Amino acid sequence: MSLIDLVGWVGSAILVWSLLQSRILRLRLFNLLGSAILLAFNAIIGVWPMVGLNAVLCVINLVYLQRMLRSRHSATSYSVVEIRPDDPYLRHLLAEHGADIVRFNPGLEVEKLVAERSGSGEAFLVLHGDETVGYVFLHDLGAGVAQIDLDYVTERFRDFTPGEFVFRRSRLLAEHGYTSVVTRRGVSAPYYEKIGFTAMGDVFELALTRDLPRATT
């Protein structure tokens, strides 16, 4: 096998691998990489219809990547809806994502969480258009502090940070009377630091403000 043939096989493998990605950002990135390699490969061997096809795929991927990256922090792309912790739709989501939730939150008992928060907590859905991409459970610790019990993002949107629209880019928590929000102990540092939380011992904390655009509900 020549080096040129190897390049073609690698590009094809990456293109196929891209279609197996659940996360939309990774799908586009891998698809762009595979298409770019195949564009170069077909240009070298002179297969011009395939050059045209892969050039179009590269342009499509670049356009969608630009849109995704430009809108990842846009309040017009995401909306936050308050929902009862025991709402049937939320229960359905929890059942669908139960195994994935426990994988990222070892020891968390989902049914127990719903029962505990039904009368003494809040829950919020994060929507991208008409698709639910995440949800947040929290409860009142007193003194204006809310503690996050669960902050879950569906796999398709896990390369983004939709939870920030509950904590930072809406006034919902401030309008509930909270002045700050804290995580549970032992949560992932990079995610919360990325959306503006500050390490405070073994938890992360974010001060809230009312000077934010109102969330769409």
N, C-alpha and C. Protein backbone atom coordinates (compact mmCIF):
# COMPACT_ATOMS: atom_id res chain seq x y z
N MET A 1 0.85 -1.20 0.00
CA MET A 1 0.00 0.00 0.00
C MET A 1 0.88 1.25 0.00
N SER A 2 0.61 2.15 -0.93
CA SER A 2 1.40 3.38 -1.02
C SER A 2 0.96 4.37 0.06
N LEU A 3 1.79 5.39 0.26
CA LEU A 3 1.47 6.42 1.24
C LEU A 3 0.18 7.15 0.86
N ILE A 4 -0.02 7.40 -0.44
CA ILE A 4 -1.23 8.09 -0.89
C ILE A 4 -2.47 7.25 -0.58
N ASP A 5 -2.38 5.93 -0.83
CA ASP A 5 -3.50 5.04 -0.50
C ASP A 5 -3.81 5.07 1.00
N LEU A 6 -2.76 5.09 1.81
CA LEU A 6 -2.94 5.13 3.26
C LEU A 6 -3.67 6.40 3.68
N VAL A 7 -3.32 7.52 3.06
CA VAL A 7 -4.00 8.79 3.35
C VAL A 7 -5.49 8.66 3.04
N GLY A 8 -5.82 8.05 1.91
CA GLY A 8 -7.21 7.86 1.53
C GLY A 8 -7.97 7.00 2.52
N TRP A 9 -7.36 5.91 2.95
CA TRP A 9 -8.00 5.04 3.93
C TRP A 9 -8.19 5.75 5.27
N VAL A 10 -7.20 6.51 5.69
CA VAL A 10 -7.31 7.24 6.96
C VAL A 10 -8.45 8.26 6.88
N GLY A 11 -8.51 9.00 5.78
CA GLY A 11 -9.59 9.97 5.62
C GLY A 11 -10.95 9.32 5.64
N SER A 12 -11.08 8.17 4.96
CA SER A 12 -12.35 7.44 4.94
C SER A 12 -12.73 6.95 6.33
N ALA A 13 -11.73 6.44 7.07
CA ALA A 13 -11.99 5.94 8.43
C ALA A 13 -12.46 7.07 9.34
N ILE A 14 -11.82 8.23 9.24
CA ILE A 14 -12.22 9.37 10.07
C ILE A 14 -13.63 9.83 9.71
N LEU A 15 -13.95 9.82 8.42
CA LEU A 15 -15.29 10.23 7.98
C LEU A 15 -16.35 9.29 8.54
N VAL A 16 -16.10 7.99 8.47
CA VAL A 16 -17.04 7.02 9.04
C VAL A 16 -17.13 7.18 10.55
N TRP A 17 -15.98 7.36 11.21
CA TRP A 17 -15.95 7.53 12.66
C TRP A 17 -16.76 8.75 13.09
N SER A 18 -16.74 9.79 12.27
CA SER A 18 -17.48 11.01 12.62
C SER A 18 -18.97 10.74 12.72
N LEU A 19 -19.47 9.84 11.89
CA LEU A 19 -20.91 9.56 11.88
C LEU A 19 -21.34 8.74 13.09
N LEU A 20 -20.38 8.21 13.83
CA LEU A 20 -20.69 7.44 15.04
C LEU A 20 -20.70 8.30 16.30
N GLN A 21 -20.39 9.59 16.16
CA GLN A 21 -20.32 10.47 17.31
C GLN A 21 -21.71 10.95 17.72
N SER A 22 -21.99 10.86 19.01
CA SER A 22 -23.27 11.35 19.54
C SER A 22 -23.22 12.86 19.78
N ARG A 23 -22.05 13.37 20.12
CA ARG A 23 -21.90 14.80 20.39
C ARG A 23 -21.79 15.56 19.08
N ILE A 24 -22.67 16.53 18.90
CA ILE A 24 -22.77 17.19 17.60
C ILE A 24 -21.51 17.99 17.25
N LEU A 25 -20.83 18.56 18.24
CA LEU A 25 -19.62 19.32 17.94
C LEU A 25 -18.52 18.39 17.45
N ARG A 26 -18.35 17.26 18.11
CA ARG A 26 -17.34 16.30 17.69
C ARG A 26 -17.67 15.72 16.32
N LEU A 27 -18.95 15.47 16.07
CA LEU A 27 -19.35 14.95 14.77
C LEU A 27 -18.88 15.90 13.66
N ARG A 28 -19.16 17.19 13.84
CA ARG A 28 -18.79 18.17 12.82
C ARG A 28 -17.27 18.30 12.68
N LEU A 29 -16.55 18.28 13.79
CA LEU A 29 -15.09 18.42 13.73
C LEU A 29 -14.45 17.24 13.03
N PHE A 30 -14.84 16.01 13.41
CA PHE A 30 -14.27 14.83 12.78
C PHE A 30 -14.68 14.75 11.31
N ASN A 31 -15.94 15.13 11.01
CA ASN A 31 -16.40 15.09 9.63
C ASN A 31 -15.62 16.08 8.77
N LEU A 32 -15.33 17.25 9.35
CA LEU A 32 -14.52 18.24 8.63
C LEU A 32 -13.12 17.71 8.37
N LEU A 33 -12.52 17.10 9.39
CA LEU A 33 -11.16 16.57 9.23
C LEU A 33 -11.12 15.48 8.17
N GLY A 34 -12.07 14.53 8.24
CA GLY A 34 -12.10 13.46 7.25
C GLY A 34 -12.33 13.98 5.84
N SER A 35 -13.24 14.94 5.71
CA SER A 35 -13.53 15.51 4.39
C SER A 35 -12.33 16.26 3.83
N ALA A 36 -11.61 16.97 4.70
CA ALA A 36 -10.42 17.71 4.24
C ALA A 36 -9.33 16.75 3.76
N ILE A 37 -9.14 15.65 4.49
CA ILE A 37 -8.13 14.66 4.08
C ILE A 37 -8.51 14.04 2.74
N LEU A 38 -9.80 13.69 2.60
CA LEU A 38 -10.25 13.07 1.35
C LEU A 38 -10.23 14.06 0.19
N LEU A 39 -10.45 15.33 0.47
CA LEU A 39 -10.35 16.35 -0.57
C LEU A 39 -8.93 16.39 -1.13
N ALA A 40 -7.95 16.40 -0.21
CA ALA A 40 -6.55 16.41 -0.64
C ALA A 40 -6.19 15.13 -1.38
N PHE A 41 -6.65 14.00 -0.84
CA PHE A 41 -6.36 12.70 -1.47
C PHE A 41 -6.89 12.63 -2.90
N ASN A 42 -8.16 13.02 -3.07
CA ASN A 42 -8.76 12.94 -4.41
C ASN A 42 -8.18 13.97 -5.37
N ALA A 43 -7.73 15.10 -4.84
CA ALA A 43 -7.06 16.09 -5.70
C ALA A 43 -5.74 15.54 -6.21
N ILE A 44 -5.02 14.81 -5.35
CA ILE A 44 -3.73 14.24 -5.75
C ILE A 44 -3.90 13.19 -6.84
N ILE A 45 -4.94 12.35 -6.71
CA ILE A 45 -5.11 11.27 -7.70
C ILE A 45 -6.01 11.69 -8.86
N GLY A 46 -6.55 12.93 -8.78
CA GLY A 46 -7.30 13.47 -9.90
C GLY A 46 -8.73 13.00 -10.05
N VAL A 47 -9.38 12.63 -8.95
CA VAL A 47 -10.80 12.24 -8.99
C VAL A 47 -11.62 13.48 -8.66
N TRP A 48 -11.93 14.27 -9.67
CA TRP A 48 -12.48 15.60 -9.44
C TRP A 48 -13.92 15.62 -8.91
N PRO A 49 -14.79 14.69 -9.29
CA PRO A 49 -16.12 14.68 -8.66
C PRO A 49 -16.04 14.52 -7.14
N MET A 50 -15.11 13.67 -6.67
CA MET A 50 -14.95 13.48 -5.23
C MET A 50 -14.30 14.70 -4.57
N VAL A 51 -13.46 15.39 -5.33
CA VAL A 51 -12.91 16.65 -4.83
C VAL A 51 -14.04 17.63 -4.58
N GLY A 52 -14.96 17.73 -5.57
CA GLY A 52 -16.09 18.64 -5.41
C GLY A 52 -16.97 18.26 -4.24
N LEU A 53 -17.26 16.95 -4.10
CA LEU A 53 -18.10 16.48 -3.00
C LEU A 53 -17.49 16.83 -1.65
N ASN A 54 -16.20 16.54 -1.47
CA ASN A 54 -15.56 16.79 -0.18
C ASN A 54 -15.35 18.28 0.08
N ALA A 55 -15.20 19.05 -0.98
CA ALA A 55 -15.11 20.50 -0.79
C ALA A 55 -16.43 21.04 -0.26
N VAL A 56 -17.54 20.54 -0.81
CA VAL A 56 -18.87 20.96 -0.33
C VAL A 56 -19.07 20.53 1.12
N LEU A 57 -18.67 19.30 1.46
CA LEU A 57 -18.79 18.83 2.84
C LEU A 57 -17.97 19.69 3.80
N CYS A 58 -16.79 20.09 3.38
CA CYS A 58 -15.96 20.97 4.23
C CYS A 58 -16.66 22.29 4.48
N VAL A 59 -17.24 22.87 3.43
CA VAL A 59 -17.94 24.15 3.58
C VAL A 59 -19.13 24.00 4.50
N ILE A 60 -19.92 22.93 4.32
CA ILE A 60 -21.09 22.70 5.18
C ILE A 60 -20.67 22.56 6.63
N ASN A 61 -19.63 21.78 6.88
CA ASN A 61 -19.16 21.60 8.26
C ASN A 61 -18.66 22.90 8.86
N LEU A 62 -17.94 23.68 8.09
CA LEU A 62 -17.44 24.96 8.59
C LEU A 62 -18.58 25.91 8.93
N VAL A 63 -19.62 25.93 8.09
CA VAL A 63 -20.77 26.80 8.36
C VAL A 63 -21.46 26.38 9.65
N TYR A 64 -21.69 25.08 9.82
CA TYR A 64 -22.38 24.61 11.03
C TYR A 64 -21.52 24.78 12.27
N LEU A 65 -20.22 24.58 12.15
CA LEU A 65 -19.33 24.80 13.29
C LEU A 65 -19.34 26.26 13.71
N GLN A 66 -19.32 27.15 12.73
CA GLN A 66 -19.37 28.58 13.05
C GLN A 66 -20.66 28.93 13.77
N ARG A 67 -21.78 28.39 13.30
CA ARG A 67 -23.06 28.66 13.94
C ARG A 67 -23.09 28.13 15.36
N MET A 68 -22.61 26.90 15.56
CA MET A 68 -22.63 26.30 16.89
C MET A 68 -21.75 27.06 17.87
N LEU A 69 -20.54 27.42 17.44
CA LEU A 69 -19.62 28.11 18.33
C LEU A 69 -20.07 29.54 18.60
N ARG A 70 -20.70 30.15 17.62
CA ARG A 70 -21.18 31.52 17.80
C ARG A 70 -22.38 31.57 18.74
N SER A 71 -23.19 30.52 18.74
CA SER A 71 -24.42 30.52 19.53
C SER A 71 -24.30 29.80 20.87
N ARG A 72 -23.12 29.24 21.18
CA ARG A 72 -23.00 28.41 22.37
C ARG A 72 -23.24 29.20 23.66
N HIS A 73 -23.01 30.52 23.65
CA HIS A 73 -23.27 31.35 24.83
C HIS A 73 -24.40 32.35 24.57
N SER A 74 -25.19 32.11 23.55
CA SER A 74 -26.24 33.06 23.16
C SER A 74 -27.56 32.74 23.84
N ALA A 75 -28.12 33.75 24.51
CA ALA A 75 -29.41 33.58 25.18
C ALA A 75 -30.55 33.41 24.19
N THR A 76 -30.32 33.75 22.93
CA THR A 76 -31.36 33.55 21.92
C THR A 76 -31.40 32.11 21.43
N SER A 77 -30.36 31.34 21.71
CA SER A 77 -30.31 29.95 21.27
C SER A 77 -30.82 28.98 22.33
N TYR A 78 -30.74 29.38 23.58
CA TYR A 78 -31.16 28.52 24.68
C TYR A 78 -32.21 29.24 25.52
N SER A 79 -33.11 28.48 26.10
CA SER A 79 -34.10 29.05 27.00
C SER A 79 -34.20 28.16 28.24
N VAL A 80 -34.67 28.75 29.33
CA VAL A 80 -34.79 28.04 30.60
C VAL A 80 -36.25 28.04 31.03
N VAL A 81 -36.75 26.88 31.40
CA VAL A 81 -38.14 26.74 31.82
C VAL A 81 -38.18 26.10 33.19
N GLU A 82 -38.84 26.75 34.14
CA GLU A 82 -39.00 26.14 35.46
C GLU A 82 -40.06 25.06 35.39
N ILE A 83 -39.84 23.97 36.12
CA ILE A 83 -40.75 22.83 36.09
C ILE A 83 -40.79 22.21 37.47
N ARG A 84 -41.90 21.60 37.83
CA ARG A 84 -41.98 20.92 39.13
C ARG A 84 -41.02 19.74 39.15
N PRO A 85 -40.32 19.53 40.27
CA PRO A 85 -39.40 18.39 40.34
C PRO A 85 -40.06 17.04 40.11
N ASP A 86 -41.38 16.95 40.38
CA ASP A 86 -42.07 15.68 40.18
C ASP A 86 -42.93 15.67 38.92
N ASP A 87 -42.68 16.61 38.00
CA ASP A 87 -43.45 16.67 36.76
C ASP A 87 -43.25 15.38 35.95
N PRO A 88 -44.32 14.83 35.38
CA PRO A 88 -44.20 13.57 34.62
C PRO A 88 -43.17 13.63 33.48
N TYR A 89 -43.09 14.77 32.81
CA TYR A 89 -42.12 14.88 31.71
C TYR A 89 -40.70 14.79 32.25
N LEU A 90 -40.44 15.47 33.37
CA LEU A 90 -39.10 15.42 33.96
C LEU A 90 -38.79 14.02 34.46
N ARG A 91 -39.79 13.36 35.04
CA ARG A 91 -39.59 11.98 35.47
C ARG A 91 -39.23 11.08 34.28
N HIS A 92 -39.88 11.33 33.16
CA HIS A 92 -39.56 10.55 31.95
C HIS A 92 -38.11 10.77 31.53
N LEU A 93 -37.66 12.03 31.55
CA LEU A 93 -36.27 12.33 31.19
C LEU A 93 -35.30 11.63 32.14
N LEU A 94 -35.61 11.68 33.43
CA LEU A 94 -34.74 11.05 34.42
C LEU A 94 -34.67 9.54 34.21
N ALA A 95 -35.79 8.93 33.84
CA ALA A 95 -35.79 7.49 33.58
C ALA A 95 -34.97 7.17 32.33
N GLU A 96 -35.11 7.99 31.30
CA GLU A 96 -34.37 7.77 30.05
C GLU A 96 -32.87 7.91 30.26
N HIS A 97 -32.47 8.86 31.09
CA HIS A 97 -31.05 9.17 31.26
C HIS A 97 -30.48 8.61 32.56
N GLY A 98 -31.26 7.77 33.25
CA GLY A 98 -30.88 7.31 34.58
C GLY A 98 -29.48 6.73 34.68
N ALA A 99 -29.14 5.81 33.78
CA ALA A 99 -27.82 5.17 33.84
C ALA A 99 -26.70 6.17 33.60
N ASP A 100 -26.92 7.09 32.67
CA ASP A 100 -25.91 8.11 32.37
C ASP A 100 -25.75 9.07 33.54
N ILE A 101 -26.85 9.42 34.18
CA ILE A 101 -26.79 10.31 35.34
C ILE A 101 -25.96 9.69 36.45
N VAL A 102 -26.21 8.42 36.74
CA VAL A 102 -25.47 7.74 37.81
C VAL A 102 -23.99 7.60 37.44
N ARG A 103 -23.70 7.43 36.16
CA ARG A 103 -22.30 7.31 35.73
C ARG A 103 -21.51 8.56 36.08
N PHE A 104 -22.14 9.73 35.95
CA PHE A 104 -21.46 10.99 36.26
C PHE A 104 -21.70 11.45 37.69
N ASN A 105 -22.66 10.83 38.38
CA ASN A 105 -22.98 11.20 39.77
C ASN A 105 -23.08 9.93 40.61
N PRO A 106 -21.95 9.25 40.85
CA PRO A 106 -21.99 8.00 41.60
C PRO A 106 -22.66 8.18 42.96
N GLY A 107 -23.54 7.25 43.29
CA GLY A 107 -24.21 7.31 44.58
C GLY A 107 -25.50 8.10 44.59
N LEU A 108 -25.78 8.84 43.52
CA LEU A 108 -27.01 9.62 43.46
C LEU A 108 -28.20 8.70 43.21
N GLU A 109 -29.23 8.82 44.07
CA GLU A 109 -30.46 8.06 43.90
C GLU A 109 -31.51 8.99 43.31
N VAL A 110 -31.82 8.79 42.04
CA VAL A 110 -32.67 9.72 41.31
C VAL A 110 -34.06 9.80 41.91
N GLU A 111 -34.68 8.66 42.20
CA GLU A 111 -36.04 8.67 42.75
C GLU A 111 -36.07 9.35 44.12
N LYS A 112 -35.05 9.12 44.91
CA LYS A 112 -34.96 9.77 46.22
C LYS A 112 -34.82 11.27 46.06
N LEU A 113 -34.04 11.70 45.08
CA LEU A 113 -33.86 13.12 44.81
C LEU A 113 -35.20 13.76 44.45
N VAL A 114 -35.96 13.13 43.56
CA VAL A 114 -37.26 13.67 43.15
C VAL A 114 -38.19 13.77 44.35
N ALA A 115 -38.22 12.73 45.18
CA ALA A 115 -39.09 12.73 46.35
C ALA A 115 -38.71 13.84 47.33
N GLU A 116 -37.41 14.03 47.53
CA GLU A 116 -36.95 15.04 48.48
C GLU A 116 -37.20 16.45 47.97
N ARG A 117 -37.09 16.66 46.66
CA ARG A 117 -37.20 18.02 46.12
C ARG A 117 -38.61 18.39 45.68
N SER A 118 -39.54 17.43 45.73
CA SER A 118 -40.90 17.72 45.28
C SER A 118 -41.56 18.82 46.11
N GLY A 119 -41.21 18.89 47.38
CA GLY A 119 -41.82 19.92 48.21
C GLY A 119 -40.86 20.99 48.69
N SER A 120 -39.58 20.81 48.41
CA SER A 120 -38.61 21.76 48.97
C SER A 120 -37.45 22.06 48.02
N GLY A 121 -37.73 22.11 46.75
CA GLY A 121 -36.67 22.40 45.80
C GLY A 121 -37.21 22.93 44.50
N GLU A 122 -36.31 23.24 43.58
CA GLU A 122 -36.69 23.73 42.26
C GLU A 122 -36.03 22.87 41.19
N ALA A 123 -36.65 22.87 40.03
CA ALA A 123 -36.07 22.18 38.88
C ALA A 123 -36.26 23.06 37.64
N PHE A 124 -35.29 22.99 36.74
CA PHE A 124 -35.31 23.82 35.53
C PHE A 124 -34.88 22.97 34.33
N LEU A 125 -35.59 23.16 33.23
CA LEU A 125 -35.19 22.55 31.96
C LEU A 125 -34.41 23.57 31.15
N VAL A 126 -33.38 23.10 30.44
CA VAL A 126 -32.66 23.95 29.49
C VAL A 126 -33.02 23.44 28.10
N LEU A 127 -33.55 24.34 27.26
CA LEU A 127 -34.03 23.97 25.93
C LEU A 127 -33.19 24.63 24.85
N HIS A 128 -32.98 23.89 23.78
CA HIS A 128 -32.38 24.44 22.56
C HIS A 128 -33.44 24.27 21.48
N GLY A 129 -34.14 25.36 21.16
CA GLY A 129 -35.31 25.23 20.31
C GLY A 129 -36.37 24.43 21.04
N ASP A 130 -36.83 23.34 20.43
CA ASP A 130 -37.83 22.50 21.10
C ASP A 130 -37.21 21.24 21.70
N GLU A 131 -35.89 21.20 21.80
CA GLU A 131 -35.19 20.03 22.34
C GLU A 131 -34.69 20.30 23.75
N THR A 132 -35.01 19.39 24.68
CA THR A 132 -34.49 19.50 26.04
C THR A 132 -33.05 18.99 26.06
N VAL A 133 -32.12 19.88 26.39
CA VAL A 133 -30.70 19.52 26.34
C VAL A 133 -30.07 19.39 27.72
N GLY A 134 -30.83 19.71 28.76
CA GLY A 134 -30.30 19.59 30.11
C GLY A 134 -31.35 19.94 31.14
N TYR A 135 -31.05 19.63 32.39
CA TYR A 135 -31.95 20.01 33.48
C TYR A 135 -31.15 20.11 34.77
N VAL A 136 -31.69 20.93 35.67
CA VAL A 136 -31.00 21.24 36.92
C VAL A 136 -31.97 21.09 38.08
N PHE A 137 -31.53 20.41 39.14
CA PHE A 137 -32.25 20.35 40.41
C PHE A 137 -31.43 21.13 41.43
N LEU A 138 -32.10 21.89 42.28
CA LEU A 138 -31.40 22.57 43.38
C LEU A 138 -32.36 22.78 44.54
N HIS A 139 -31.80 23.13 45.70
CA HIS A 139 -32.64 23.41 46.87
C HIS A 139 -32.03 24.54 47.68
N ASP A 140 -32.83 25.07 48.57
CA ASP A 140 -32.46 26.23 49.38
C ASP A 140 -31.67 25.79 50.60
N LEU A 141 -30.43 26.30 50.72
CA LEU A 141 -29.62 26.03 51.91
C LEU A 141 -29.87 27.05 53.01
N GLY A 142 -30.63 28.10 52.68
CA GLY A 142 -30.82 29.19 53.63
C GLY A 142 -29.85 30.32 53.37
N ALA A 143 -30.16 31.48 53.91
CA ALA A 143 -29.31 32.67 53.77
C ALA A 143 -29.09 33.05 52.30
N GLY A 144 -30.07 32.74 51.45
CA GLY A 144 -29.97 33.13 50.05
C GLY A 144 -29.08 32.25 49.19
N VAL A 145 -28.72 31.07 49.70
CA VAL A 145 -27.81 30.18 48.98
C VAL A 145 -28.58 28.98 48.42
N ALA A 146 -28.42 28.72 47.14
CA ALA A 146 -29.00 27.53 46.50
C ALA A 146 -27.91 26.51 46.26
N GLN A 147 -28.20 25.24 46.54
CA GLN A 147 -27.23 24.18 46.27
C GLN A 147 -27.71 23.33 45.11
N ILE A 148 -26.80 23.05 44.18
CA ILE A 148 -27.11 22.23 43.02
C ILE A 148 -27.12 20.76 43.44
N ASP A 149 -28.24 20.08 43.19
CA ASP A 149 -28.32 18.65 43.46
C ASP A 149 -27.97 17.83 42.22
N LEU A 150 -28.38 18.33 41.06
CA LEU A 150 -28.11 17.64 39.81
C LEU A 150 -28.04 18.66 38.69
N ASP A 151 -27.01 18.57 37.88
CA ASP A 151 -26.85 19.43 36.70
C ASP A 151 -26.48 18.51 35.55
N TYR A 152 -27.47 18.15 34.75
CA TYR A 152 -27.27 17.13 33.72
C TYR A 152 -27.42 17.73 32.33
N VAL A 153 -26.53 17.33 31.43
CA VAL A 153 -26.58 17.75 30.03
C VAL A 153 -26.63 16.50 29.16
N THR A 154 -27.51 16.47 28.18
CA THR A 154 -27.59 15.31 27.30
C THR A 154 -26.31 15.19 26.48
N GLU A 155 -26.05 13.97 26.03
CA GLU A 155 -24.75 13.71 25.39
C GLU A 155 -24.52 14.55 24.15
N ARG A 156 -25.57 14.81 23.37
CA ARG A 156 -25.41 15.59 22.13
C ARG A 156 -24.83 16.97 22.39
N PHE A 157 -25.14 17.54 23.57
CA PHE A 157 -24.74 18.92 23.86
C PHE A 157 -23.65 18.99 24.93
N ARG A 158 -22.98 17.88 25.19
CA ARG A 158 -22.02 17.85 26.29
C ARG A 158 -20.73 18.60 25.99
N ASP A 159 -20.49 18.96 24.75
CA ASP A 159 -19.32 19.78 24.42
C ASP A 159 -19.62 21.26 24.65
N PHE A 160 -20.86 21.56 25.01
CA PHE A 160 -21.26 22.94 25.30
C PHE A 160 -21.54 23.05 26.80
N THR A 161 -21.99 24.22 27.26
CA THR A 161 -22.26 24.42 28.69
C THR A 161 -23.65 25.03 28.88
N PRO A 162 -24.72 24.31 28.49
CA PRO A 162 -26.06 24.89 28.59
C PRO A 162 -26.50 25.20 30.01
N GLY A 163 -25.90 24.55 31.02
CA GLY A 163 -26.27 24.85 32.40
C GLY A 163 -26.03 26.29 32.79
N GLU A 164 -25.11 26.96 32.09
CA GLU A 164 -24.82 28.35 32.41
C GLU A 164 -26.05 29.24 32.25
N PHE A 165 -27.02 28.83 31.44
CA PHE A 165 -28.20 29.66 31.22
C PHE A 165 -29.14 29.60 32.41
N VAL A 166 -29.00 28.61 33.27
CA VAL A 166 -29.73 28.60 34.54
C VAL A 166 -29.00 29.47 35.55
N PHE A 167 -27.69 29.32 35.64
CA PHE A 167 -26.92 29.96 36.70
C PHE A 167 -26.50 31.40 36.40
N ARG A 168 -26.13 31.67 35.15
CA ARG A 168 -25.51 32.96 34.86
C ARG A 168 -26.29 33.84 33.91
N ARG A 169 -27.02 33.25 32.97
CA ARG A 169 -27.60 34.04 31.91
C ARG A 169 -29.12 34.13 31.98
N SER A 170 -29.67 33.93 33.15
CA SER A 170 -31.08 34.20 33.38
C SER A 170 -31.19 34.78 34.79
N ARG A 171 -32.36 35.38 35.08
CA ARG A 171 -32.56 35.95 36.40
C ARG A 171 -33.43 35.06 37.29
N LEU A 172 -33.67 33.84 36.84
CA LEU A 172 -34.59 32.98 37.56
C LEU A 172 -34.18 32.75 39.01
N LEU A 173 -32.93 32.41 39.23
CA LEU A 173 -32.50 32.12 40.60
C LEU A 173 -32.52 33.37 41.47
N ALA A 174 -32.08 34.49 40.90
CA ALA A 174 -32.13 35.74 41.66
C ALA A 174 -33.56 36.11 41.99
N GLU A 175 -34.49 35.86 41.07
CA GLU A 175 -35.89 36.18 41.32
C GLU A 175 -36.52 35.25 42.35
N HIS A 176 -35.88 34.11 42.60
CA HIS A 176 -36.32 33.22 43.68
C HIS A 176 -35.75 33.66 45.02
N GLY A 177 -34.97 34.72 45.02
CA GLY A 177 -34.41 35.24 46.26
C GLY A 177 -33.02 34.76 46.57
N TYR A 178 -32.41 34.02 45.66
CA TYR A 178 -31.05 33.52 45.90
C TYR A 178 -30.02 34.59 45.54
N THR A 179 -28.97 34.64 46.33
CA THR A 179 -27.86 35.56 46.04
C THR A 179 -26.61 34.82 45.58
N SER A 180 -26.58 33.51 45.80
CA SER A 180 -25.45 32.70 45.32
C SER A 180 -25.90 31.26 45.15
N VAL A 181 -25.12 30.52 44.37
CA VAL A 181 -25.40 29.10 44.16
C VAL A 181 -24.11 28.33 44.34
N VAL A 182 -24.19 27.17 45.01
CA VAL A 182 -23.01 26.36 45.28
C VAL A 182 -23.24 24.94 44.76
N THR A 183 -22.15 24.27 44.47
CA THR A 183 -22.21 22.88 44.01
C THR A 183 -22.19 21.93 45.20
N ARG A 184 -22.43 20.67 44.91
CA ARG A 184 -22.17 19.63 45.90
C ARG A 184 -20.66 19.44 46.02
N ARG A 185 -20.24 18.76 47.05
CA ARG A 185 -18.81 18.49 47.22
C ARG A 185 -18.33 17.47 46.18
N GLY A 186 -17.11 17.69 45.72
CA GLY A 186 -16.47 16.71 44.86
C GLY A 186 -16.91 16.70 43.42
N VAL A 187 -17.48 17.81 42.92
CA VAL A 187 -17.92 17.84 41.52
C VAL A 187 -16.75 18.20 40.61
N SER A 188 -16.98 18.09 39.30
CA SER A 188 -15.93 18.35 38.31
C SER A 188 -15.53 19.82 38.27
N ALA A 189 -14.25 20.08 38.50
CA ALA A 189 -13.77 21.46 38.54
C ALA A 189 -13.80 22.16 37.18
N PRO A 190 -13.32 21.54 36.10
CA PRO A 190 -13.22 22.29 34.83
C PRO A 190 -14.56 22.85 34.36
N TYR A 191 -15.64 22.07 34.49
CA TYR A 191 -16.95 22.51 34.00
C TYR A 191 -17.41 23.76 34.73
N TYR A 192 -17.38 23.74 36.06
CA TYR A 192 -17.90 24.88 36.82
C TYR A 192 -16.99 26.09 36.73
N GLU A 193 -15.70 25.88 36.65
CA GLU A 193 -14.79 27.01 36.44
C GLU A 193 -15.04 27.66 35.09
N LYS A 194 -15.38 26.83 34.10
CA LYS A 194 -15.63 27.34 32.74
C LYS A 194 -16.83 28.27 32.70
N ILE A 195 -17.83 28.05 33.56
CA ILE A 195 -19.03 28.88 33.53
C ILE A 195 -19.05 29.93 34.64
N GLY A 196 -17.88 30.18 35.25
CA GLY A 196 -17.76 31.32 36.14
C GLY A 196 -17.81 31.06 37.62
N PHE A 197 -17.90 29.79 38.04
CA PHE A 197 -17.88 29.48 39.46
C PHE A 197 -16.46 29.63 40.01
N THR A 198 -16.37 29.88 41.31
CA THR A 198 -15.08 30.03 41.98
C THR A 198 -14.92 28.95 43.04
N ALA A 199 -13.74 28.35 43.11
CA ALA A 199 -13.48 27.31 44.11
C ALA A 199 -13.51 27.92 45.50
N MET A 200 -14.29 27.29 46.38
CA MET A 200 -14.39 27.70 47.79
C MET A 200 -14.24 26.44 48.63
N GLY A 201 -13.00 26.07 48.93
CA GLY A 201 -12.78 24.82 49.63
C GLY A 201 -13.07 23.65 48.70
N ASP A 202 -13.97 22.75 49.12
CA ASP A 202 -14.29 21.58 48.29
C ASP A 202 -15.58 21.74 47.50
N VAL A 203 -16.07 22.98 47.39
CA VAL A 203 -17.24 23.27 46.55
C VAL A 203 -16.91 24.44 45.63
N PHE A 204 -17.80 24.71 44.69
CA PHE A 204 -17.68 25.87 43.81
C PHE A 204 -18.88 26.77 44.02
N GLU A 205 -18.64 28.08 43.97
CA GLU A 205 -19.70 29.04 44.28
C GLU A 205 -19.78 30.11 43.19
N LEU A 206 -21.01 30.56 42.92
CA LEU A 206 -21.24 31.63 41.96
C LEU A 206 -22.17 32.66 42.58
N ALA A 207 -21.73 33.92 42.61
CA ALA A 207 -22.59 35.00 43.08
C ALA A 207 -23.58 35.35 41.98
N LEU A 208 -24.84 35.57 42.36
CA LEU A 208 -25.89 35.86 41.40
C LEU A 208 -26.19 37.34 41.35
N THR A 209 -26.73 37.78 40.23
CA THR A 209 -27.12 39.17 40.07
C THR A 209 -28.41 39.24 39.31
N ARG A 210 -29.18 40.29 39.53
CA ARG A 210 -30.41 40.50 38.78
C ARG A 210 -30.15 41.21 37.46
N ASP A 211 -28.94 41.70 37.27
CA ASP A 211 -28.64 42.48 36.06
C ASP A 211 -28.32 41.57 34.89
N LEU A 212 -29.28 40.71 34.56
CA LEU A 212 -29.12 39.76 33.48
C LEU A 212 -30.39 39.76 32.63
N PRO A 213 -30.30 39.35 31.38
CA PRO A 213 -31.51 39.26 30.57
C PRO A 213 -32.46 38.22 31.14
N ARG A 214 -33.75 38.48 31.05
CA ARG A 214 -34.74 37.55 31.56
C ARG A 214 -34.75 36.28 30.72
N ALA A 215 -34.83 35.15 31.40
CA ALA A 215 -34.88 33.88 30.68
C ALA A 215 -36.22 33.72 30.00
N THR A 216 -36.22 33.00 28.89
CA THR A 216 -37.46 32.68 28.21
C THR A 216 -38.13 31.54 28.94
N THR A 217 -39.39 31.71 29.30
CA THR A 217 -40.11 30.66 30.02
C THR A 217 -41.42 30.37 29.35
